[in-house]
Each structure stands twice: as structure tokens, then as C-alpha cells.
Amino acid sequence: EAAVLCLIFASAVTLAVDSPVHQGGPAKARALFWLDVLFAGLFALEMVLKWAAKSIRVYLTDRWNLLDAFIVLVSLLALVQLPALQPLRVLRVLRPL
């Protein structure tokens, strides 16, 4: 549980650094992209491990888990880099929940 909280905190910090106002150059954008990939993957792994521990049906009966699954799905979809899906990136701010 503590590892997940640290992961959530680190993800929130990277979201705070990812500002459209202060671009920072291609190196910063590339680093933030790969950190986003890492966090999305780790949160997806956490979700799958919870599914394995509880079963998907039990997992989906908890509303916090439903929110968690929605955020993970949005995070994974935002990685696709399609212009139509770019507005979904804004929903990444829900990760710290």
C-alpha cells in the first residue's frame, strides 16, 4: 500500500511539472512521455493484481475501484497519441485519487 501511495505522489509531481506554459524542450517532453508510460503501466499492473487477488467481479463492486479502472483506462488511451484522444490527457489529474 505504501508503494502505491509513493507511486501516486510521484505521478502527481510529474503531472505538476508537465505544463503547457513552460515547454522545456524536447528532452523534457520525451522524459515526461516515458514517465507517463511508466506510471500508466504500473497503475495498470496494480489493477490487474487486484483483479487476480479479488476477482474482477468483486473488484468492480467497489466504487473506488471503478474510478481507479476508469483512470487507468483513460491513462492508457491517452498514450495512443491520436489527436482525437488528446483531450483525455486532462483526465490524468484524477490519478492522485
PDB file of N, CA and C in Angstrom:
ATOM      1  N   GLU A   1       0.821  -1.200   0.000  1.00  0.00           N
ATOM      2  CA  GLU A   1       0.000   0.000   0.000  1.00  0.00           C
ATOM      3  C   GLU A   1       0.856   1.250   0.000  1.00  0.00           C
ATOM      4  N   ALA A   2       1.949   1.239   0.765  1.00  0.00           N
ATOM      5  CA  ALA A   2       2.847   2.404   0.817  1.00  0.00           C
ATOM      6  C   ALA A   2       3.511   2.638  -0.531  1.00  0.00           C
ATOM      7  N   ALA A   3       3.833   1.554  -1.236  1.00  0.00           N
ATOM      8  CA  ALA A   3       4.456   1.696  -2.559  1.00  0.00           C
ATOM      9  C   ALA A   3       3.490   2.357  -3.536  1.00  0.00           C
ATOM     10  N   VAL A   4       2.227   2.009  -3.461  1.00  0.00           N
ATOM     11  CA  VAL A   4       1.219   2.611  -4.345  1.00  0.00           C
ATOM     12  C   VAL A   4       1.054   4.093  -4.026  1.00  0.00           C
ATOM     13  N   LEU A   5       1.076   4.443  -2.739  1.00  0.00           N
ATOM     14  CA  LEU A   5       0.974   5.853  -2.357  1.00  0.00           C
ATOM     15  C   LEU A   5       2.177   6.652  -2.857  1.00  0.00           C
ATOM     16  N   CYS A   6       3.365   6.070  -2.794  1.00  0.00           N
ATOM     17  CA  CYS A   6       4.559   6.733  -3.330  1.00  0.00           C
ATOM     18  C   CYS A   6       4.449   6.899  -4.842  1.00  0.00           C
ATOM     19  N   LEU A   7       3.921   5.891  -5.495  1.00  0.00           N
ATOM     20  CA  LEU A   7       3.715   5.950  -6.943  1.00  0.00           C
ATOM     21  C   LEU A   7       2.712   7.052  -7.299  1.00  0.00           C
ATOM     22  N   ILE A   8       1.651   7.157  -6.545  1.00  0.00           N
ATOM     23  CA  ILE A   8       0.649   8.207  -6.775  1.00  0.00           C
ATOM     24  C   ILE A   8       1.282   9.583  -6.573  1.00  0.00           C
ATOM     25  N   PHE A   9       2.081   9.730  -5.529  1.00  0.00           N
ATOM     26  CA  PHE A   9       2.740  11.014  -5.279  1.00  0.00           C
ATOM     27  C   PHE A   9       3.693  11.371  -6.417  1.00  0.00           C
ATOM     28  N   ALA A  10       4.502  10.423  -6.853  1.00  0.00           N
ATOM     29  CA  ALA A  10       5.444  10.679  -7.951  1.00  0.00           C
ATOM     30  C   ALA A  10       4.703  11.029  -9.236  1.00  0.00           C
ATOM     31  N   SER A  11       3.600  10.361  -9.487  1.00  0.00           N
ATOM     32  CA  SER A  11       2.792  10.664 -10.664  1.00  0.00           C
ATOM     33  C   SER A  11       2.225  12.079 -10.584  1.00  0.00           C
ATOM     34  N   ALA A  12       1.778  12.478  -9.401  1.00  0.00           N
ATOM     35  CA  ALA A  12       1.242  13.828  -9.220  1.00  0.00           C
ATOM     36  C   ALA A  12       2.325  14.879  -9.450  1.00  0.00           C
ATOM     37  N   VAL A  13       3.537  14.601  -9.014  1.00  0.00           N
ATOM     38  CA  VAL A  13       4.643  15.538  -9.226  1.00  0.00           C
ATOM     39  C   VAL A  13       4.928  15.694 -10.722  1.00  0.00           C
ATOM     40  N   THR A  14       4.966  14.589 -11.448  1.00  0.00           N
ATOM     41  CA  THR A  14       5.233  14.692 -12.885  1.00  0.00           C
ATOM     42  C   THR A  14       4.100  15.418 -13.610  1.00  0.00           C
ATOM     43  N   LEU A  15       2.870  15.240 -13.147  1.00  0.00           N
ATOM     44  CA  LEU A  15       1.760  15.981 -13.756  1.00  0.00           C
ATOM     45  C   LEU A  15       1.900  17.474 -13.487  1.00  0.00           C
ATOM     46  N   ALA A  16       2.406  17.831 -12.322  1.00  0.00           N
ATOM     47  CA  ALA A  16       2.613  19.248 -11.994  1.00  0.00           C
ATOM     48  C   ALA A  16       3.730  19.845 -12.851  1.00  0.00           C
ATOM     49  N   VAL A  17       4.734  19.050 -13.164  1.00  0.00           N
ATOM     50  CA  VAL A  17       5.856  19.520 -13.988  1.00  0.00           C
ATOM     51  C   VAL A  17       5.436  19.646 -15.449  1.00  0.00           C
ATOM     52  N   ASP A  18       4.499  18.823 -15.879  1.00  0.00           N
ATOM     53  CA  ASP A  18       4.030  18.822 -17.269  1.00  0.00           C
ATOM     54  C   ASP A  18       3.086  19.996 -17.487  1.00  0.00           C
ATOM     55  N   SER A  19       3.652  21.128 -17.875  1.00  0.00           N
ATOM     56  CA  SER A  19       2.877  22.351 -18.052  1.00  0.00           C
ATOM     57  C   SER A  19       2.933  22.811 -19.504  1.00  0.00           C
ATOM     58  N   PRO A  20       1.776  23.152 -20.091  1.00  0.00           N
ATOM     59  CA  PRO A  20       1.800  23.658 -21.466  1.00  0.00           C
ATOM     60  C   PRO A  20       2.403  25.063 -21.554  1.00  0.00           C
ATOM     61  N   VAL A  21       2.488  25.758 -20.434  1.00  0.00           N
ATOM     62  CA  VAL A  21       3.037  27.115 -20.426  1.00  0.00           C
ATOM     63  C   VAL A  21       4.560  27.087 -20.507  1.00  0.00           C
ATOM     64  N   HIS A  22       5.187  26.222 -19.717  1.00  0.00           N
ATOM     65  CA  HIS A  22       6.647  26.110 -19.693  1.00  0.00           C
ATOM     66  C   HIS A  22       7.040  24.832 -20.428  1.00  0.00           C
ATOM     67  N   GLN A  23       7.314  24.959 -21.710  1.00  0.00           N
ATOM     68  CA  GLN A  23       7.577  23.789 -22.538  1.00  0.00           C
ATOM     69  C   GLN A  23       8.817  23.017 -22.111  1.00  0.00           C
ATOM     70  N   GLY A  24       9.979  23.673 -22.017  1.00  0.00           N
ATOM     71  CA  GLY A  24      11.177  22.989 -21.544  1.00  0.00           C
ATOM     72  C   GLY A  24      11.958  22.241 -22.597  1.00  0.00           C
ATOM     73  N   GLY A  25      11.488  22.137 -23.798  1.00  0.00           N
ATOM     74  CA  GLY A  25      12.242  21.489 -24.853  1.00  0.00           C
ATOM     75  C   GLY A  25      11.884  20.035 -25.066  1.00  0.00           C
ATOM     76  N   PRO A  26      12.476  19.454 -26.129  1.00  0.00           N
ATOM     77  CA  PRO A  26      12.144  18.066 -26.492  1.00  0.00           C
ATOM     78  C   PRO A  26      12.627  17.028 -25.482  1.00  0.00           C
ATOM     79  N   ALA A  27      13.725  17.291 -24.805  1.00  0.00           N
ATOM     80  CA  ALA A  27      14.226  16.317 -23.826  1.00  0.00           C
ATOM     81  C   ALA A  27      13.246  16.183 -22.660  1.00  0.00           C
ATOM     82  N   LYS A  28      12.725  17.312 -22.196  1.00  0.00           N
ATOM     83  CA  LYS A  28      11.753  17.281 -21.100  1.00  0.00           C
ATOM     84  C   LYS A  28      10.472  16.582 -21.547  1.00  0.00           C
ATOM     85  N   ALA A  29      10.011  16.897 -22.756  1.00  0.00           N
ATOM     86  CA  ALA A  29       8.786  16.274 -23.271  1.00  0.00           C
ATOM     87  C   ALA A  29       8.959  14.762 -23.401  1.00  0.00           C
ATOM     88  N   ARG A  30      10.121  14.335 -23.879  1.00  0.00           N
ATOM     89  CA  ARG A  30      10.385  12.897 -24.035  1.00  0.00           C
ATOM     90  C   ARG A  30      10.425  12.216 -22.671  1.00  0.00           C
ATOM     91  N   ALA A  31      11.103  12.839 -21.692  1.00  0.00           N
ATOM     92  CA  ALA A  31      11.183  12.261 -20.348  1.00  0.00           C
ATOM     93  C   ALA A  31       9.800  12.157 -19.716  1.00  0.00           C
ATOM     94  N   LEU A  32       8.993  13.216 -19.867  1.00  0.00           N
ATOM     95  CA  LEU A  32       7.638  13.186 -19.296  1.00  0.00           C
ATOM     96  C   LEU A  32       6.768  12.139 -19.980  1.00  0.00           C
ATOM     97  N   PHE A  33       6.951  11.969 -21.297  1.00  0.00           N
ATOM     98  CA  PHE A  33       6.183  10.939 -22.009  1.00  0.00           C
ATOM     99  C   PHE A  33       6.518   9.557 -21.451  1.00  0.00           C
ATOM    100  N   TRP A  34       7.814   9.257 -21.294  1.00  0.00           N
ATOM    101  CA  TRP A  34       8.200   7.929 -20.821  1.00  0.00           C
ATOM    102  C   TRP A  34       7.826   7.713 -19.353  1.00  0.00           C
ATOM    103  N   LEU A  35       7.848   8.782 -18.577  1.00  0.00           N
ATOM    104  CA  LEU A  35       7.353   8.661 -17.199  1.00  0.00           C
ATOM    105  C   LEU A  35       5.851   8.378 -17.193  1.00  0.00           C
ATOM    106  N   ASP A  36       5.128   9.013 -18.116  1.00  0.00           N
ATOM    107  CA  ASP A  36       3.691   8.757 -18.234  1.00  0.00           C
ATOM    108  C   ASP A  36       3.433   7.305 -18.621  1.00  0.00           C
ATOM    109  N   VAL A  37       4.236   6.784 -19.544  1.00  0.00           N
ATOM    110  CA  VAL A  37       4.120   5.370 -19.934  1.00  0.00           C
ATOM    111  C   VAL A  37       4.388   4.468 -18.725  1.00  0.00           C
ATOM    112  N   LEU A  38       5.443   4.800 -17.978  1.00  0.00           N
ATOM    113  CA  LEU A  38       5.791   4.008 -16.795  1.00  0.00           C
ATOM    114  C   LEU A  38       4.663   4.008 -15.772  1.00  0.00           C
ATOM    115  N   PHE A  39       4.148   5.189 -15.457  1.00  0.00           N
ATOM    116  CA  PHE A  39       3.083   5.276 -14.451  1.00  0.00           C
ATOM    117  C   PHE A  39       1.813   4.568 -14.931  1.00  0.00           C
ATOM    118  N   ALA A  40       1.447   4.753 -16.186  1.00  0.00           N
ATOM    119  CA  ALA A  40       0.252   4.078 -16.713  1.00  0.00           C
ATOM    120  C   ALA A  40       0.417   2.561 -16.620  1.00  0.00           C
ATOM    121  N   GLY A  41       1.601   2.083 -16.957  1.00  0.00           N
ATOM    122  CA  GLY A  41       1.864   0.641 -16.880  1.00  0.00           C
ATOM    123  C   GLY A  41       1.825   0.117 -15.454  1.00  0.00           C
ATOM    124  N   LEU A  42       2.420   0.871 -14.536  1.00  0.00           N
ATOM    125  CA  LEU A  42       2.426   0.426 -13.136  1.00  0.00           C
ATOM    126  C   LEU A  42       1.028   0.456 -12.521  1.00  0.00           C
ATOM    127  N   PHE A  43       0.241   1.490 -12.849  1.00  0.00           N
ATOM    128  CA  PHE A  43      -1.130   1.537 -12.337  1.00  0.00           C
ATOM    129  C   PHE A  43      -1.977   0.421 -12.961  1.00  0.00           C
ATOM    130  N   ALA A  44      -1.731   0.106 -14.230  1.00  0.00           N
ATOM    131  CA  ALA A  44      -2.448  -0.998 -14.865  1.00  0.00           C
ATOM    132  C   ALA A  44      -2.063  -2.326 -14.206  1.00  0.00           C
ATOM    133  N   LEU A  45      -0.780  -2.491 -13.898  1.00  0.00           N
ATOM    134  CA  LEU A  45      -0.328  -3.704 -13.214  1.00  0.00           C
ATOM    135  C   LEU A  45      -0.983  -3.834 -11.845  1.00  0.00           C
ATOM    136  N   GLU A  46      -1.062  -2.714 -11.116  1.00  0.00           N
ATOM    137  CA  GLU A  46      -1.726  -2.737  -9.812  1.00  0.00           C
ATOM    138  C   GLU A  46      -3.182  -3.191  -9.953  1.00  0.00           C
ATOM    139  N   MET A  47      -3.867  -2.672 -10.981  1.00  0.00           N
ATOM    140  CA  MET A  47      -5.263  -3.037 -11.199  1.00  0.00           C
ATOM    141  C   MET A  47      -5.394  -4.535 -11.509  1.00  0.00           C
ATOM    142  N   VAL A  48      -4.527  -5.042 -12.370  1.00  0.00           N
ATOM    143  CA  VAL A  48      -4.579  -6.461 -12.729  1.00  0.00           C
ATOM    144  C   VAL A  48      -4.273  -7.345 -11.515  1.00  0.00           C
ATOM    145  N   LEU A  49      -3.327  -6.921 -10.693  1.00  0.00           N
ATOM    146  CA  LEU A  49      -3.026  -7.690  -9.478  1.00  0.00           C
ATOM    147  C   LEU A  49      -4.217  -7.707  -8.520  1.00  0.00           C
ATOM    148  N   LYS A  50      -4.933  -6.592  -8.433  1.00  0.00           N
ATOM    149  CA  LYS A  50      -6.145  -6.568  -7.602  1.00  0.00           C
ATOM    150  C   LYS A  50      -7.206  -7.496  -8.182  1.00  0.00           C
ATOM    151  N   TRP A  51      -7.313  -7.530  -9.517  1.00  0.00           N
ATOM    152  CA  TRP A  51      -8.263  -8.445 -10.154  1.00  0.00           C
ATOM    153  C   TRP A  51      -7.929  -9.881  -9.773  1.00  0.00           C
ATOM    154  N   ALA A  52      -6.640 -10.216  -9.840  1.00  0.00           N
ATOM    155  CA  ALA A  52      -6.211 -11.582  -9.537  1.00  0.00           C
ATOM    156  C   ALA A  52      -6.456 -11.922  -8.065  1.00  0.00           C
ATOM    157  N   ALA A  53      -6.275 -10.951  -7.194  1.00  0.00           N
ATOM    158  CA  ALA A  53      -6.446 -11.208  -5.758  1.00  0.00           C
ATOM    159  C   ALA A  53      -7.913 -11.307  -5.363  1.00  0.00           C
ATOM    160  N   LYS A  54      -8.765 -10.520  -6.001  1.00  0.00           N
ATOM    161  CA  LYS A  54     -10.165 -10.436  -5.570  1.00  0.00           C
ATOM    162  C   LYS A  54     -11.153 -11.083  -6.529  1.00  0.00           C
ATOM    163  N   SER A  55     -10.843 -11.148  -7.764  1.00  0.00           N
ATOM    164  CA  SER A  55     -11.683 -11.486  -8.911  1.00  0.00           C
ATOM    165  C   SER A  55     -12.230 -10.182  -9.484  1.00  0.00           C
ATOM    166  N   ILE A  56     -12.425 -10.184 -10.764  1.00  0.00           N
ATOM    167  CA  ILE A  56     -12.872  -8.958 -11.435  1.00  0.00           C
ATOM    168  C   ILE A  56     -14.248  -8.534 -10.931  1.00  0.00           C
ATOM    169  N   ARG A  57     -15.117  -9.493 -10.703  1.00  0.00           N
ATOM    170  CA  ARG A  57     -16.474  -9.152 -10.263  1.00  0.00           C
ATOM    171  C   ARG A  57     -16.475  -8.454  -8.909  1.00  0.00           C
ATOM    172  N   VAL A  58     -15.705  -8.980  -7.959  1.00  0.00           N
ATOM    173  CA  VAL A  58     -15.612  -8.357  -6.644  1.00  0.00           C
ATOM    174  C   VAL A  58     -14.926  -6.990  -6.759  1.00  0.00           C
ATOM    175  N   TYR A  59     -13.880  -6.912  -7.584  1.00  0.00           N
ATOM    176  CA  TYR A  59     -13.158  -5.655  -7.789  1.00  0.00           C
ATOM    177  C   TYR A  59     -14.105  -4.559  -8.283  1.00  0.00           C
ATOM    178  N   LEU A  60     -14.973  -4.907  -9.210  1.00  0.00           N
ATOM    179  CA  LEU A  60     -15.852  -3.911  -9.816  1.00  0.00           C
ATOM    180  C   LEU A  60     -17.056  -3.543  -8.955  1.00  0.00           C
ATOM    181  N   THR A  61     -17.255  -4.190  -7.814  1.00  0.00           N
ATOM    182  CA  THR A  61     -18.363  -3.812  -6.927  1.00  0.00           C
ATOM    183  C   THR A  61     -18.001  -2.613  -6.048  1.00  0.00           C
ATOM    184  N   ASP A  62     -16.719  -2.330  -5.918  1.00  0.00           N
ATOM    185  CA  ASP A  62     -16.260  -1.186  -5.126  1.00  0.00           C
ATOM    186  C   ASP A  62     -16.164   0.043  -6.033  1.00  0.00           C
ATOM    187  N   ARG A  63     -16.826   1.118  -5.656  1.00  0.00           N
ATOM    188  CA  ARG A  63     -16.853   2.324  -6.498  1.00  0.00           C
ATOM    189  C   ARG A  63     -15.474   2.966  -6.650  1.00  0.00           C
ATOM    190  N   TRP A  64     -14.630   2.886  -5.628  1.00  0.00           N
ATOM    191  CA  TRP A  64     -13.275   3.421  -5.760  1.00  0.00           C
ATOM    192  C   TRP A  64     -12.490   2.631  -6.796  1.00  0.00           C
ATOM    193  N   ASN A  65     -12.704   1.328  -6.830  1.00  0.00           N
ATOM    194  CA  ASN A  65     -12.038   0.508  -7.838  1.00  0.00           C
ATOM    195  C   ASN A  65     -12.556   0.828  -9.234  1.00  0.00           C
ATOM    196  N   LEU A  66     -13.854   1.128  -9.358  1.00  0.00           N
ATOM    197  CA  LEU A  66     -14.393   1.549 -10.651  1.00  0.00           C
ATOM    198  C   LEU A  66     -13.728   2.838 -11.119  1.00  0.00           C
ATOM    199  N   LEU A  67     -13.568   3.792 -10.207  1.00  0.00           N
ATOM    200  CA  LEU A  67     -12.887   5.036 -10.548  1.00  0.00           C
ATOM    201  C   LEU A  67     -11.442   4.755 -10.935  1.00  0.00           C
ATOM    202  N   ASP A  68     -10.785   3.901 -10.178  1.00  0.00           N
ATOM    203  CA  ASP A  68      -9.405   3.525 -10.470  1.00  0.00           C
ATOM    204  C   ASP A  68      -9.300   2.900 -11.858  1.00  0.00           C
ATOM    205  N   ALA A  69     -10.197   1.983 -12.187  1.00  0.00           N
ATOM    206  CA  ALA A  69     -10.184   1.334 -13.502  1.00  0.00           C
ATOM    207  C   ALA A  69     -10.415   2.352 -14.614  1.00  0.00           C
ATOM    208  N   PHE A  70     -11.327   3.291 -14.401  1.00  0.00           N
ATOM    209  CA  PHE A  70     -11.586   4.335 -15.387  1.00  0.00           C
ATOM    210  C   PHE A  70     -10.339   5.187 -15.622  1.00  0.00           C
ATOM    211  N   ILE A  71      -9.666   5.574 -14.542  1.00  0.00           N
ATOM    212  CA  ILE A  71      -8.468   6.401 -14.656  1.00  0.00           C
ATOM    213  C   ILE A  71      -7.354   5.643 -15.375  1.00  0.00           C
ATOM    214  N   VAL A  72      -7.181   4.370 -15.062  1.00  0.00           N
ATOM    215  CA  VAL A  72      -6.170   3.559 -15.735  1.00  0.00           C
ATOM    216  C   VAL A  72      -6.490   3.452 -17.224  1.00  0.00           C
ATOM    217  N   LEU A  73      -7.744   3.200 -17.549  1.00  0.00           N
ATOM    218  CA  LEU A  73      -8.137   3.094 -18.954  1.00  0.00           C
ATOM    219  C   LEU A  73      -7.881   4.406 -19.699  1.00  0.00           C
ATOM    220  N   VAL A  74      -8.247   5.520 -19.096  1.00  0.00           N
ATOM    221  CA  VAL A  74      -8.019   6.834 -19.715  1.00  0.00           C
ATOM    222  C   VAL A  74      -6.523   7.088 -19.871  1.00  0.00           C
ATOM    223  N   SER A  75      -5.736   6.728 -18.873  1.00  0.00           N
ATOM    224  CA  SER A  75      -4.286   6.919 -18.953  1.00  0.00           C
ATOM    225  C   SER A  75      -3.684   6.113 -20.096  1.00  0.00           C
ATOM    226  N   LEU A  76      -4.146   4.886 -20.258  1.00  0.00           N
ATOM    227  CA  LEU A  76      -3.640   4.052 -21.349  1.00  0.00           C
ATOM    228  C   LEU A  76      -4.085   4.578 -22.708  1.00  0.00           C
ATOM    229  N   LEU A  77      -5.330   5.024 -22.802  1.00  0.00           N
ATOM    230  CA  LEU A  77      -5.815   5.582 -24.067  1.00  0.00           C
ATOM    231  C   LEU A  77      -5.095   6.884 -24.437  1.00  0.00           C
ATOM    232  N   ALA A  78      -4.735   7.678 -23.448  1.00  0.00           N
ATOM    233  CA  ALA A  78      -4.044   8.947 -23.712  1.00  0.00           C
ATOM    234  C   ALA A  78      -2.653   8.715 -24.288  1.00  0.00           C
ATOM    235  N   LEU A  79      -2.090   7.539 -24.070  1.00  0.00           N
ATOM    236  CA  LEU A  79      -0.762   7.233 -24.604  1.00  0.00           C
ATOM    237  C   LEU A  79      -0.764   6.987 -26.107  1.00  0.00           C
ATOM    238  N   VAL A  80      -1.933   6.760 -26.679  1.00  0.00           N
ATOM    239  CA  VAL A  80      -2.039   6.412 -28.093  1.00  0.00           C
ATOM    240  C   VAL A  80      -1.585   7.554 -28.999  1.00  0.00           C
ATOM    241  N   GLN A  81      -1.652   8.786 -28.521  1.00  0.00           N
ATOM    242  CA  GLN A  81      -1.196   9.974 -29.239  1.00  0.00           C
ATOM    243  C   GLN A  81      -2.028  10.296 -30.484  1.00  0.00           C
ATOM    244  N   LEU A  82      -3.276   9.917 -30.492  1.00  0.00           N
ATOM    245  CA  LEU A  82      -4.176  10.320 -31.575  1.00  0.00           C
ATOM    246  C   LEU A  82      -4.776  11.677 -31.218  1.00  0.00           C
ATOM    247  N   PRO A  83      -4.856  12.601 -32.184  1.00  0.00           N
ATOM    248  CA  PRO A  83      -5.397  13.930 -31.874  1.00  0.00           C
ATOM    249  C   PRO A  83      -6.795  13.891 -31.250  1.00  0.00           C
ATOM    250  N   ALA A  84      -7.618  12.958 -31.663  1.00  0.00           N
ATOM    251  CA  ALA A  84      -8.972  12.873 -31.120  1.00  0.00           C
ATOM    252  C   ALA A  84      -8.969  12.464 -29.648  1.00  0.00           C
ATOM    253  N   LEU A  85      -7.907  11.784 -29.209  1.00  0.00           N
ATOM    254  CA  LEU A  85      -7.829  11.312 -27.823  1.00  0.00           C
ATOM    255  C   LEU A  85      -7.051  12.258 -26.915  1.00  0.00           C
ATOM    256  N   GLN A  86      -6.447  13.295 -27.447  1.00  0.00           N
ATOM    257  CA  GLN A  86      -5.648  14.212 -26.644  1.00  0.00           C
ATOM    258  C   GLN A  86      -6.436  14.886 -25.517  1.00  0.00           C
ATOM    259  N   PRO A  87      -7.717  15.220 -25.707  1.00  0.00           N
ATOM    260  CA  PRO A  87      -8.459  15.797 -24.576  1.00  0.00           C
ATOM    261  C   PRO A  87      -8.531  14.868 -23.360  1.00  0.00           C
ATOM    262  N   LEU A  88      -8.358  13.573 -23.563  1.00  0.00           N
ATOM    263  CA  LEU A  88      -8.374  12.632 -22.441  1.00  0.00           C
ATOM    264  C   LEU A  88      -7.185  12.843 -21.504  1.00  0.00           C
ATOM    265  N   ARG A  89      -6.108  13.450 -22.016  1.00  0.00           N
ATOM    266  CA  ARG A  89      -4.923  13.687 -21.188  1.00  0.00           C
ATOM    267  C   ARG A  89      -5.263  14.504 -19.951  1.00  0.00           C
ATOM    268  N   VAL A  90      -6.256  15.368 -20.070  1.00  0.00           N
ATOM    269  CA  VAL A  90      -6.643  16.222 -18.940  1.00  0.00           C
ATOM    270  C   VAL A  90      -7.164  15.381 -17.776  1.00  0.00           C
ATOM    271  N   LEU A  91      -7.716  14.229 -18.062  1.00  0.00           N
ATOM    272  CA  LEU A  91      -8.257  13.371 -17.006  1.00  0.00           C
ATOM    273  C   LEU A  91      -7.168  12.688 -16.184  1.00  0.00           C
ATOM    274  N   ARG A  92      -5.901  12.821 -16.610  1.00  0.00           N
ATOM    275  CA  ARG A  92      -4.801  12.254 -15.829  1.00  0.00           C
ATOM    276  C   ARG A  92      -4.715  12.885 -14.448  1.00  0.00           C
ATOM    277  N   VAL A  93      -5.265  14.064 -14.307  1.00  0.00           N
ATOM    278  CA  VAL A  93      -5.224  14.731 -12.985  1.00  0.00           C
ATOM    279  C   VAL A  93      -6.007  13.944 -11.945  1.00  0.00           C
ATOM    280  N   LEU A  94      -6.835  13.013 -12.377  1.00  0.00           N
ATOM    281  CA  LEU A  94      -7.575  12.176 -11.437  1.00  0.00           C
ATOM    282  C   LEU A  94      -6.712  11.079 -10.813  1.00  0.00           C
ATOM    283  N   ARG A  95      -5.534  10.847 -11.341  1.00  0.00           N
ATOM    284  CA  ARG A  95      -4.673   9.776 -10.824  1.00  0.00           C
ATOM    285  C   ARG A  95      -4.437   9.839  -9.323  1.00  0.00           C
ATOM    286  N   PRO A  96      -4.191  11.017  -8.762  1.00  0.00           N
ATOM    287  CA  PRO A  96      -3.937  11.038  -7.305  1.00  0.00           C
ATOM    288  C   PRO A  96      -5.127  10.590  -6.461  1.00  0.00           C
ATOM    289  N   LEU A  97      -6.299  10.447  -7.044  1.00  0.00           N
ATOM    290  CA  LEU A  97      -7.440   9.953  -6.263  1.00  0.00           C
ATOM    291  C   LEU A  97      -7.216   8.505  -5.926  1.00  0.00           C
TER     292      LEU A  97
END
